[in-house]
Every structure is written in structure tokens, then in C-alpha cells.
Amino acid sequence: MGHAVGDVLGLAAGVAVSPLPIVAIILILATPRGRLNGPLFVLGWVLGLAALGAIMLAVGGTGGASTHKHPATWVGALKLALGALLALFGARRWRRRPQDTSQAQLPKWMAAIDRFTPVKILGLGLLLSAANLKNAPLTIAAGASISSAGLPVPQQIGTLAIFVVIASLGVLAPLVVYLSMGERAKGILGDWRERAARHSAAVMAVLLFVLGLKLLGDGISILAA
């Protein structure tokens, strides 16, 4: 199980560093219903990652590894495809990043986030985790890695749970600060929001490219073995 956890730690960290979801939860916490909607957003995020990871475990099943506990060929092919996709998106994102970070703009839907119902907030958390351009491929790759480790089902579930917890640290941190620091949290979260908004494009581009190269390397290693 330790080897499987080691394989997914980098992927989980890549999911955790998600500037847009971090900005989203900070904006949610600043609304009058922040104490209710903040935890709902995090719940949606966790459910999205857990559901997508569980689907991959179900797809991989006991066939994710060969009789020698080496990842199956389809796992290598999947990682190769996901790696190429992320690397291409990263390069494209880098070319399109704003040269002046002060001109970086947030999505228009964020302006209406204070009017979102609790159900929409929950759905937003699900969407930004399980349907995100970066997070979905990384979670799929993590699920494939876990299923290919030759672990019994309880250990697969435990490894996925560790992945989800680490991958959720980015959105959990603002919530913990908000709930524990009261009024002092406003200044801290405001600073985090500004930094995340300004550098979102560059951070995402570098993460996509680097993690894409990692998955490409993993896929090549599996297919060449």
C-alpha cells in the first residue's frame, strides 16, 4: 500500500494546487451564507474526487495489474494519453497567459456567486473537482495507479481516501482559516484570493505541463517494461 500511496502523492498535490477553486471558496466564504456554503463546497469537491476515483477503481478492478503486480498495458496507455493531453494544454495555457498579471480576469460566473443556492454551491464543488481540465485527468490517473498496484479492495479504498484528503487541502485551508480565525481571516483570505487570481494562468500552465510530463514518463515506463 505504501508504494501505491507514493505513486499518487504527486498527483494529489497537483489537484490540491488549484487556484480557481481556491478563489471560488474564498468568495463563497465572504458571502452572508459563507458558514453554510463553504462546507457544502468542500463536500461537493470531496464527493467529486471520490466518485471519479471510485469509478476508476471499479473499471480497473483486479485487472489493473498483471500476475506479477506490474501495471497492465492499458494503464500505461491511459497515462501516456493523459500525460500528452495535460502537456499540450499546459503549453497552450502558457502561450495564452496574460503578460500583465494585474490584468488577469476571473470567470464572470464568480460575480454572481453570492446568489448561488446551497444546491448550486454543492454542484460547483463537484464540477470544479471531477470535471476540471486539470483535476479530472489527475484523479483518473491516480485511480489507475491504485488499481494497478495489485492491492486488495480495502487497501485500494484506503489509498484513494488518502489521495482525496491530500487533494482537498487547497480548498480546506481557506475553510479552516475562516472557521478558526473569525474577523482576522478576512485579510488573510483576501490576500490569498488576490495572489491566486493574479497568478492562476501561469501556475496552471506550469502544473499542467510538469504533471503531463510525469504521466508521459510513467506511461512509457509501463509500456516499455
C-alpha atoms as a PDB file:
ATOM      1  CA  MET A   1       0.000   0.000   0.000  1.00  0.00           C
ATOM      2  CA  GLY A   2       2.890   2.338   0.752  1.00  0.00           C
ATOM      3  CA  HIS A   3       4.114   2.115  -2.842  1.00  0.00           C
ATOM      4  CA  ALA A   4       0.651   2.986  -4.157  1.00  0.00           C
ATOM      5  CA  VAL A   5       0.397   5.980  -1.818  1.00  0.00           C
ATOM      6  CA  GLY A   6       3.791   7.179  -3.026  1.00  0.00           C
ATOM      7  CA  ASP A   7       2.630   6.926  -6.638  1.00  0.00           C
ATOM      8  CA  VAL A   8      -0.398   9.168  -6.078  1.00  0.00           C
ATOM      9  CA  LEU A   9       1.094  11.780  -3.727  1.00  0.00           C
ATOM     10  CA  GLY A  10       2.378  13.955  -6.566  1.00  0.00           C
ATOM     11  CA  LEU A  11      -0.932  13.698  -8.394  1.00  0.00           C
ATOM     12  CA  ALA A  12      -2.832  14.637  -5.229  1.00  0.00           C
ATOM     13  CA  ALA A  13      -0.581  17.666  -4.705  1.00  0.00           C
ATOM     14  CA  GLY A  14      -1.257  18.713  -8.290  1.00  0.00           C
ATOM     15  CA  VAL A  15      -5.003  18.620  -7.623  1.00  0.00           C
ATOM     16  CA  ALA A  16      -4.612  20.497  -4.333  1.00  0.00           C
ATOM     17  CA  VAL A  17      -2.871  23.407  -6.078  1.00  0.00           C
ATOM     18  CA  SER A  18      -5.964  24.622  -7.927  1.00  0.00           C
ATOM     19  CA  PRO A  19      -6.098  28.451  -7.999  1.00  0.00           C
ATOM     20  CA  LEU A  20      -9.621  28.786  -9.420  1.00  0.00           C
ATOM     21  CA  PRO A  21     -11.363  26.545  -6.835  1.00  0.00           C
ATOM     22  CA  ILE A  22      -9.372  28.277  -4.074  1.00  0.00           C
ATOM     23  CA  VAL A  23     -10.594  31.676  -5.271  1.00  0.00           C
ATOM     24  CA  ALA A  24     -14.125  30.259  -5.527  1.00  0.00           C
ATOM     25  CA  ILE A  25     -14.268  29.060  -1.924  1.00  0.00           C
ATOM     26  CA  ILE A  26     -12.773  32.323  -0.641  1.00  0.00           C
ATOM     27  CA  LEU A  27     -15.520  34.239  -2.456  1.00  0.00           C
ATOM     28  CA  ILE A  28     -18.119  31.828  -1.079  1.00  0.00           C
ATOM     29  CA  LEU A  29     -16.861  32.339   2.472  1.00  0.00           C
ATOM     30  CA  ALA A  30     -17.191  36.113   2.029  1.00  0.00           C
ATOM     31  CA  THR A  31     -20.937  35.820   1.356  1.00  0.00           C
ATOM     32  CA  PRO A  32     -23.591  36.086   4.116  1.00  0.00           C
ATOM     33  CA  ARG A  33     -24.133  32.304   3.938  1.00  0.00           C
ATOM     34  CA  GLY A  34     -20.425  31.508   3.938  1.00  0.00           C
ATOM     35  CA  ARG A  35     -20.571  29.391   7.100  1.00  0.00           C
ATOM     36  CA  LEU A  36     -23.083  27.055   5.393  1.00  0.00           C
ATOM     37  CA  ASN A  37     -21.951  27.239   1.780  1.00  0.00           C
ATOM     38  CA  GLY A  38     -18.223  26.891   2.466  1.00  0.00           C
ATOM     39  CA  PRO A  39     -18.516  23.381   3.920  1.00  0.00           C
ATOM     40  CA  LEU A  40     -21.014  22.474   1.181  1.00  0.00           C
ATOM     41  CA  PHE A  41     -18.495  23.467  -1.494  1.00  0.00           C
ATOM     42  CA  VAL A  42     -15.793  21.350   0.163  1.00  0.00           C
ATOM     43  CA  LEU A  43     -18.251  18.441   0.451  1.00  0.00           C
ATOM     44  CA  GLY A  44     -19.018  18.671  -3.272  1.00  0.00           C
ATOM     45  CA  TRP A  45     -15.288  18.801  -4.026  1.00  0.00           C
ATOM     46  CA  VAL A  46     -14.565  15.699  -1.940  1.00  0.00           C
ATOM     47  CA  LEU A  47     -17.522  13.793  -3.391  1.00  0.00           C
ATOM     48  CA  GLY A  48     -16.420  14.647  -6.937  1.00  0.00           C
ATOM     49  CA  LEU A  49     -12.879  13.373  -6.425  1.00  0.00           C
ATOM     50  CA  ALA A  50     -14.031  10.282  -4.515  1.00  0.00           C
ATOM     51  CA  ALA A  51     -16.651   9.368  -7.126  1.00  0.00           C
ATOM     52  CA  LEU A  52     -14.273   9.758 -10.069  1.00  0.00           C
ATOM     53  CA  GLY A  53     -11.564   7.805  -8.288  1.00  0.00           C
ATOM     54  CA  ALA A  54     -14.026   5.066  -7.310  1.00  0.00           C
ATOM     55  CA  ILE A  55     -15.170   4.734 -10.922  1.00  0.00           C
ATOM     56  CA  MET A  56     -11.573   4.171 -11.984  1.00  0.00           C
ATOM     57  CA  LEU A  57     -11.094   1.557  -9.264  1.00  0.00           C
ATOM     58  CA  ALA A  58     -14.235  -0.217 -10.463  1.00  0.00           C
ATOM     59  CA  VAL A  59     -13.063  -0.067 -14.084  1.00  0.00           C
ATOM     60  CA  GLY A  60      -9.585  -1.327 -13.184  1.00  0.00           C
ATOM     61  CA  GLY A  61     -10.849  -3.914 -10.715  1.00  0.00           C
ATOM     62  CA  THR A  62      -8.427  -6.785 -10.198  1.00  0.00           C
ATOM     63  CA  GLY A  63      -7.255  -6.447 -13.796  1.00  0.00           C
ATOM     64  CA  GLY A  64      -5.267  -3.302 -13.141  1.00  0.00           C
ATOM     65  CA  ALA A  65      -2.137  -5.338 -12.514  1.00  0.00           C
ATOM     66  CA  SER A  66      -0.658  -8.423 -14.093  1.00  0.00           C
ATOM     67  CA  THR A  67       0.101 -11.621 -12.195  1.00  0.00           C
ATOM     68  CA  HIS A  68       3.490 -10.129 -11.273  1.00  0.00           C
ATOM     69  CA  LYS A  69       1.819  -6.977  -9.921  1.00  0.00           C
ATOM     70  CA  HIS A  70       3.147  -4.978 -12.853  1.00  0.00           C
ATOM     71  CA  PRO A  71       0.671  -2.394 -14.202  1.00  0.00           C
ATOM     72  CA  ALA A  72      -1.386  -3.688 -17.098  1.00  0.00           C
ATOM     73  CA  THR A  73      -0.753  -2.361 -20.591  1.00  0.00           C
ATOM     74  CA  TRP A  74      -3.984  -0.338 -20.608  1.00  0.00           C
ATOM     75  CA  VAL A  75      -2.800   1.577 -17.522  1.00  0.00           C
ATOM     76  CA  GLY A  76       0.370   2.608 -19.353  1.00  0.00           C
ATOM     77  CA  ALA A  77      -1.596   3.620 -22.443  1.00  0.00           C
ATOM     78  CA  LEU A  78      -4.031   5.643 -20.322  1.00  0.00           C
ATOM     79  CA  LYS A  79      -1.239   7.506 -18.521  1.00  0.00           C
ATOM     80  CA  LEU A  80       0.505   8.163 -21.822  1.00  0.00           C
ATOM     81  CA  ALA A  81      -2.665   9.673 -23.315  1.00  0.00           C
ATOM     82  CA  LEU A  82      -3.459  11.731 -20.207  1.00  0.00           C
ATOM     83  CA  GLY A  83       0.135  12.954 -19.991  1.00  0.00           C
ATOM     84  CA  ALA A  84       0.160  14.096 -23.611  1.00  0.00           C
ATOM     85  CA  LEU A  85      -3.175  15.862 -23.107  1.00  0.00           C
ATOM     86  CA  LEU A  86      -2.019  17.709 -19.986  1.00  0.00           C
ATOM     87  CA  ALA A  87       1.314  18.706 -21.520  1.00  0.00           C
ATOM     88  CA  LEU A  88      -0.424  20.112 -24.603  1.00  0.00           C
ATOM     89  CA  PHE A  89      -2.945  22.030 -22.501  1.00  0.00           C
ATOM     90  CA  GLY A  90      -0.117  23.351 -20.329  1.00  0.00           C
ATOM     91  CA  ALA A  91       1.842  24.650 -23.312  1.00  0.00           C
ATOM     92  CA  ARG A  92      -1.300  26.235 -24.737  1.00  0.00           C
ATOM     93  CA  ARG A  93      -2.156  27.832 -21.386  1.00  0.00           C
ATOM     94  CA  TRP A  94       1.359  29.259 -21.088  1.00  0.00           C
ATOM     95  CA  ARG A  95       1.136  30.910 -24.500  1.00  0.00           C
ATOM     96  CA  ARG A  96      -2.215  32.457 -23.641  1.00  0.00           C
ATOM     97  CA  ARG A  97      -1.389  33.661 -20.128  1.00  0.00           C
ATOM     98  CA  PRO A  98      -1.729  37.440 -19.550  1.00  0.00           C
ATOM     99  CA  GLN A  99       1.642  39.192 -19.659  1.00  0.00           C
ATOM    100  CA  ASP A 100       0.450  41.706 -17.069  1.00  0.00           C
ATOM    101  CA  THR A 101      -0.822  39.766 -14.041  1.00  0.00           C
ATOM    102  CA  SER A 102      -2.791  42.797 -12.867  1.00  0.00           C
ATOM    103  CA  GLN A 103      -4.978  42.348 -15.947  1.00  0.00           C
ATOM    104  CA  ALA A 104      -5.913  38.759 -15.071  1.00  0.00           C
ATOM    105  CA  GLN A 105      -9.674  38.299 -15.056  1.00  0.00           C
ATOM    106  CA  LEU A 106     -11.792  35.840 -13.122  1.00  0.00           C
ATOM    107  CA  PRO A 107     -14.685  33.951 -14.767  1.00  0.00           C
ATOM    108  CA  LYS A 108     -17.867  36.034 -14.997  1.00  0.00           C
ATOM    109  CA  TRP A 109     -19.920  33.495 -13.010  1.00  0.00           C
ATOM    110  CA  MET A 110     -17.887  34.340  -9.925  1.00  0.00           C
ATOM    111  CA  ALA A 111     -19.554  37.745  -9.776  1.00  0.00           C
ATOM    112  CA  ALA A 112     -22.873  36.009  -9.045  1.00  0.00           C
ATOM    113  CA  ILE A 113     -21.536  33.515  -6.521  1.00  0.00           C
ATOM    114  CA  ASP A 114     -23.247  35.312  -3.607  1.00  0.00           C
ATOM    115  CA  ARG A 115     -26.609  34.442  -5.191  1.00  0.00           C
ATOM    116  CA  PHE A 116     -25.893  30.723  -5.578  1.00  0.00           C
ATOM    117  CA  THR A 117     -28.230  28.399  -3.691  1.00  0.00           C
ATOM    118  CA  PRO A 118     -26.754  25.691  -1.439  1.00  0.00           C
ATOM    119  CA  VAL A 119     -27.542  23.101  -4.120  1.00  0.00           C
ATOM    120  CA  LYS A 120     -25.637  25.121  -6.729  1.00  0.00           C
ATOM    121  CA  ILE A 121     -22.703  25.515  -4.349  1.00  0.00           C
ATOM    122  CA  LEU A 122     -22.586  21.745  -3.834  1.00  0.00           C
ATOM    123  CA  GLY A 123     -22.755  21.239  -7.600  1.00  0.00           C
ATOM    124  CA  LEU A 124     -19.996  23.805  -8.116  1.00  0.00           C
ATOM    125  CA  GLY A 125     -17.712  21.850  -5.811  1.00  0.00           C
ATOM    126  CA  LEU A 126     -18.455  18.671  -7.762  1.00  0.00           C
ATOM    127  CA  LEU A 127     -17.847  20.411 -11.087  1.00  0.00           C
ATOM    128  CA  LEU A 128     -14.559  22.047 -10.129  1.00  0.00           C
ATOM    129  CA  SER A 129     -13.134  18.750  -8.863  1.00  0.00           C
ATOM    130  CA  ALA A 130     -14.470  15.975 -11.091  1.00  0.00           C
ATOM    131  CA  ALA A 131     -14.965  17.953 -14.330  1.00  0.00           C
ATOM    132  CA  ASN A 132     -11.931  20.243 -14.096  1.00  0.00           C
ATOM    133  CA  LEU A 133      -9.458  20.253 -17.004  1.00  0.00           C
ATOM    134  CA  LYS A 134      -6.547  19.513 -14.665  1.00  0.00           C
ATOM    135  CA  ASN A 135      -8.116  17.673 -11.763  1.00  0.00           C
ATOM    136  CA  ALA A 136     -10.139  15.090 -13.697  1.00  0.00           C
ATOM    137  CA  PRO A 137      -7.149  13.628 -15.622  1.00  0.00           C
ATOM    138  CA  LEU A 138      -5.019  13.597 -12.468  1.00  0.00           C
ATOM    139  CA  THR A 139      -7.743  11.815 -10.484  1.00  0.00           C
ATOM    140  CA  ILE A 140      -8.257   9.301 -13.292  1.00  0.00           C
ATOM    141  CA  ALA A 141      -4.506   8.670 -13.377  1.00  0.00           C
ATOM    142  CA  ALA A 142      -4.458   8.236  -9.592  1.00  0.00           C
ATOM    143  CA  GLY A 143      -7.303   5.715  -9.774  1.00  0.00           C
ATOM    144  CA  ALA A 144      -5.452   3.820 -12.486  1.00  0.00           C
ATOM    145  CA  SER A 145      -2.262   3.795 -10.394  1.00  0.00           C
ATOM    146  CA  ILE A 146      -4.106   2.447  -7.367  1.00  0.00           C
ATOM    147  CA  SER A 147      -5.887  -0.270  -9.334  1.00  0.00           C
ATOM    148  CA  SER A 148      -2.595  -1.310 -10.953  1.00  0.00           C
ATOM    149  CA  ALA A 149      -0.799  -1.775  -7.625  1.00  0.00           C
ATOM    150  CA  GLY A 150      -2.250  -5.242  -7.043  1.00  0.00           C
ATOM    151  CA  LEU A 151      -3.799  -4.267  -3.707  1.00  0.00           C
ATOM    152  CA  PRO A 152      -6.844  -5.876  -2.067  1.00  0.00           C
ATOM    153  CA  VAL A 153     -10.008  -3.768  -2.247  1.00  0.00           C
ATOM    154  CA  PRO A 154      -9.858  -2.380   1.338  1.00  0.00           C
ATOM    155  CA  GLN A 155      -6.332  -1.087   0.734  1.00  0.00           C
ATOM    156  CA  GLN A 156      -7.365   0.387  -2.618  1.00  0.00           C
ATOM    157  CA  ILE A 157     -10.139   2.297  -0.859  1.00  0.00           C
ATOM    158  CA  GLY A 158      -7.746   3.437   1.860  1.00  0.00           C
ATOM    159  CA  THR A 159      -5.227   4.688  -0.711  1.00  0.00           C
ATOM    160  CA  LEU A 160      -7.957   6.537  -2.588  1.00  0.00           C
ATOM    161  CA  ALA A 161      -9.084   8.146   0.687  1.00  0.00           C
ATOM    162  CA  ILE A 162      -5.523   9.392   1.307  1.00  0.00           C
ATOM    163  CA  PHE A 163      -5.420  10.805  -2.230  1.00  0.00           C
ATOM    164  CA  VAL A 164      -8.726  12.632  -1.740  1.00  0.00           C
ATOM    165  CA  VAL A 165      -7.655  14.140   1.602  1.00  0.00           C
ATOM    166  CA  ILE A 166      -4.360  15.469   0.239  1.00  0.00           C
ATOM    167  CA  ALA A 167      -6.021  16.665  -2.977  1.00  0.00           C
ATOM    168  CA  SER A 168      -8.540  18.613  -0.872  1.00  0.00           C
ATOM    169  CA  LEU A 169      -6.009  20.540   1.218  1.00  0.00           C
ATOM    170  CA  GLY A 170      -6.097  23.515  -1.146  1.00  0.00           C
ATOM    171  CA  VAL A 171      -9.817  24.155  -0.605  1.00  0.00           C
ATOM    172  CA  LEU A 172      -9.777  23.025   3.014  1.00  0.00           C
ATOM    173  CA  ALA A 173      -7.164  25.588   4.057  1.00  0.00           C
ATOM    174  CA  PRO A 174      -9.366  28.688   3.455  1.00  0.00           C
ATOM    175  CA  LEU A 175     -12.280  26.997   5.246  1.00  0.00           C
ATOM    176  CA  VAL A 176     -10.137  26.169   8.292  1.00  0.00           C
ATOM    177  CA  VAL A 177      -8.783  29.728   8.410  1.00  0.00           C
ATOM    178  CA  TYR A 178     -12.305  31.144   8.112  1.00  0.00           C
ATOM    179  CA  LEU A 179     -13.766  28.954  10.852  1.00  0.00           C
ATOM    180  CA  SER A 180     -10.869  29.300  13.277  1.00  0.00           C
ATOM    181  CA  MET A 181      -9.764  32.933  12.933  1.00  0.00           C
ATOM    182  CA  GLY A 182     -13.010  34.881  12.710  1.00  0.00           C
ATOM    183  CA  GLU A 183     -12.568  38.525  11.629  1.00  0.00           C
ATOM    184  CA  ARG A 184      -8.814  38.120  11.230  1.00  0.00           C
ATOM    185  CA  ALA A 185      -9.468  35.664   8.412  1.00  0.00           C
ATOM    186  CA  LYS A 186     -10.764  38.405   6.092  1.00  0.00           C
ATOM    187  CA  GLY A 187      -7.362  39.959   5.481  1.00  0.00           C
ATOM    188  CA  ILE A 188      -5.589  36.626   5.097  1.00  0.00           C
ATOM    189  CA  LEU A 189      -8.162  35.193   2.693  1.00  0.00           C
ATOM    190  CA  GLY A 190      -8.293  38.433   0.729  1.00  0.00           C
ATOM    191  CA  ASP A 191      -4.537  38.266   0.183  1.00  0.00           C
ATOM    192  CA  TRP A 192      -4.775  34.617  -0.875  1.00  0.00           C
ATOM    193  CA  ARG A 193      -7.563  35.469  -3.296  1.00  0.00           C
ATOM    194  CA  GLU A 194      -5.557  38.239  -4.963  1.00  0.00           C
ATOM    195  CA  ARG A 195      -2.459  36.100  -5.317  1.00  0.00           C
ATOM    196  CA  ALA A 196      -4.392  33.130  -6.704  1.00  0.00           C
ATOM    197  CA  ALA A 197      -6.307  35.305  -9.169  1.00  0.00           C
ATOM    198  CA  ARG A 198      -3.188  37.079 -10.456  1.00  0.00           C
ATOM    199  CA  HIS A 199      -1.034  34.012 -10.942  1.00  0.00           C
ATOM    200  CA  SER A 200      -3.707  31.445 -11.801  1.00  0.00           C
ATOM    201  CA  ALA A 201      -2.860  31.173 -15.509  1.00  0.00           C
ATOM    202  CA  ALA A 202       0.909  30.794 -15.036  1.00  0.00           C
ATOM    203  CA  VAL A 203       0.563  28.334 -12.144  1.00  0.00           C
ATOM    204  CA  MET A 204      -1.932  26.220 -14.063  1.00  0.00           C
ATOM    205  CA  ALA A 205       0.232  26.208 -17.191  1.00  0.00           C
ATOM    206  CA  VAL A 206       3.341  25.038 -15.335  1.00  0.00           C
ATOM    207  CA  LEU A 207       1.417  22.417 -13.340  1.00  0.00           C
ATOM    208  CA  LEU A 208      -0.295  21.022 -16.423  1.00  0.00           C
ATOM    209  CA  PHE A 209       2.981  20.776 -18.328  1.00  0.00           C
ATOM    210  CA  VAL A 210       5.057  19.279 -15.492  1.00  0.00           C
ATOM    211  CA  LEU A 211       2.403  16.771 -14.426  1.00  0.00           C
ATOM    212  CA  GLY A 212       1.795  15.920 -18.062  1.00  0.00           C
ATOM    213  CA  LEU A 213       5.477  15.075 -18.467  1.00  0.00           C
ATOM    214  CA  LYS A 214       5.327  12.939 -15.306  1.00  0.00           C
ATOM    215  CA  LEU A 215       2.398  10.921 -16.638  1.00  0.00           C
ATOM    216  CA  LEU A 216       4.116  10.593 -20.017  1.00  0.00           C
ATOM    217  CA  GLY A 217       7.164   9.165 -18.255  1.00  0.00           C
ATOM    218  CA  ASP A 218       5.027   6.793 -16.187  1.00  0.00           C
ATOM    219  CA  GLY A 219       3.184   5.596 -19.265  1.00  0.00           C
ATOM    220  CA  ILE A 220       6.387   4.992 -21.230  1.00  0.00           C
ATOM    221  CA  SER A 221       7.923   3.080 -18.313  1.00  0.00           C
ATOM    222  CA  ILE A 222       4.910   0.784 -18.037  1.00  0.00           C
ATOM    223  CA  LEU A 223       4.671   0.122 -21.774  1.00  0.00           C
ATOM    224  CA  ALA A 224       8.408  -0.457 -22.146  1.00  0.00           C
ATOM    225  CA  ALA A 225       8.646  -2.909 -19.231  1.00  0.00           C
END
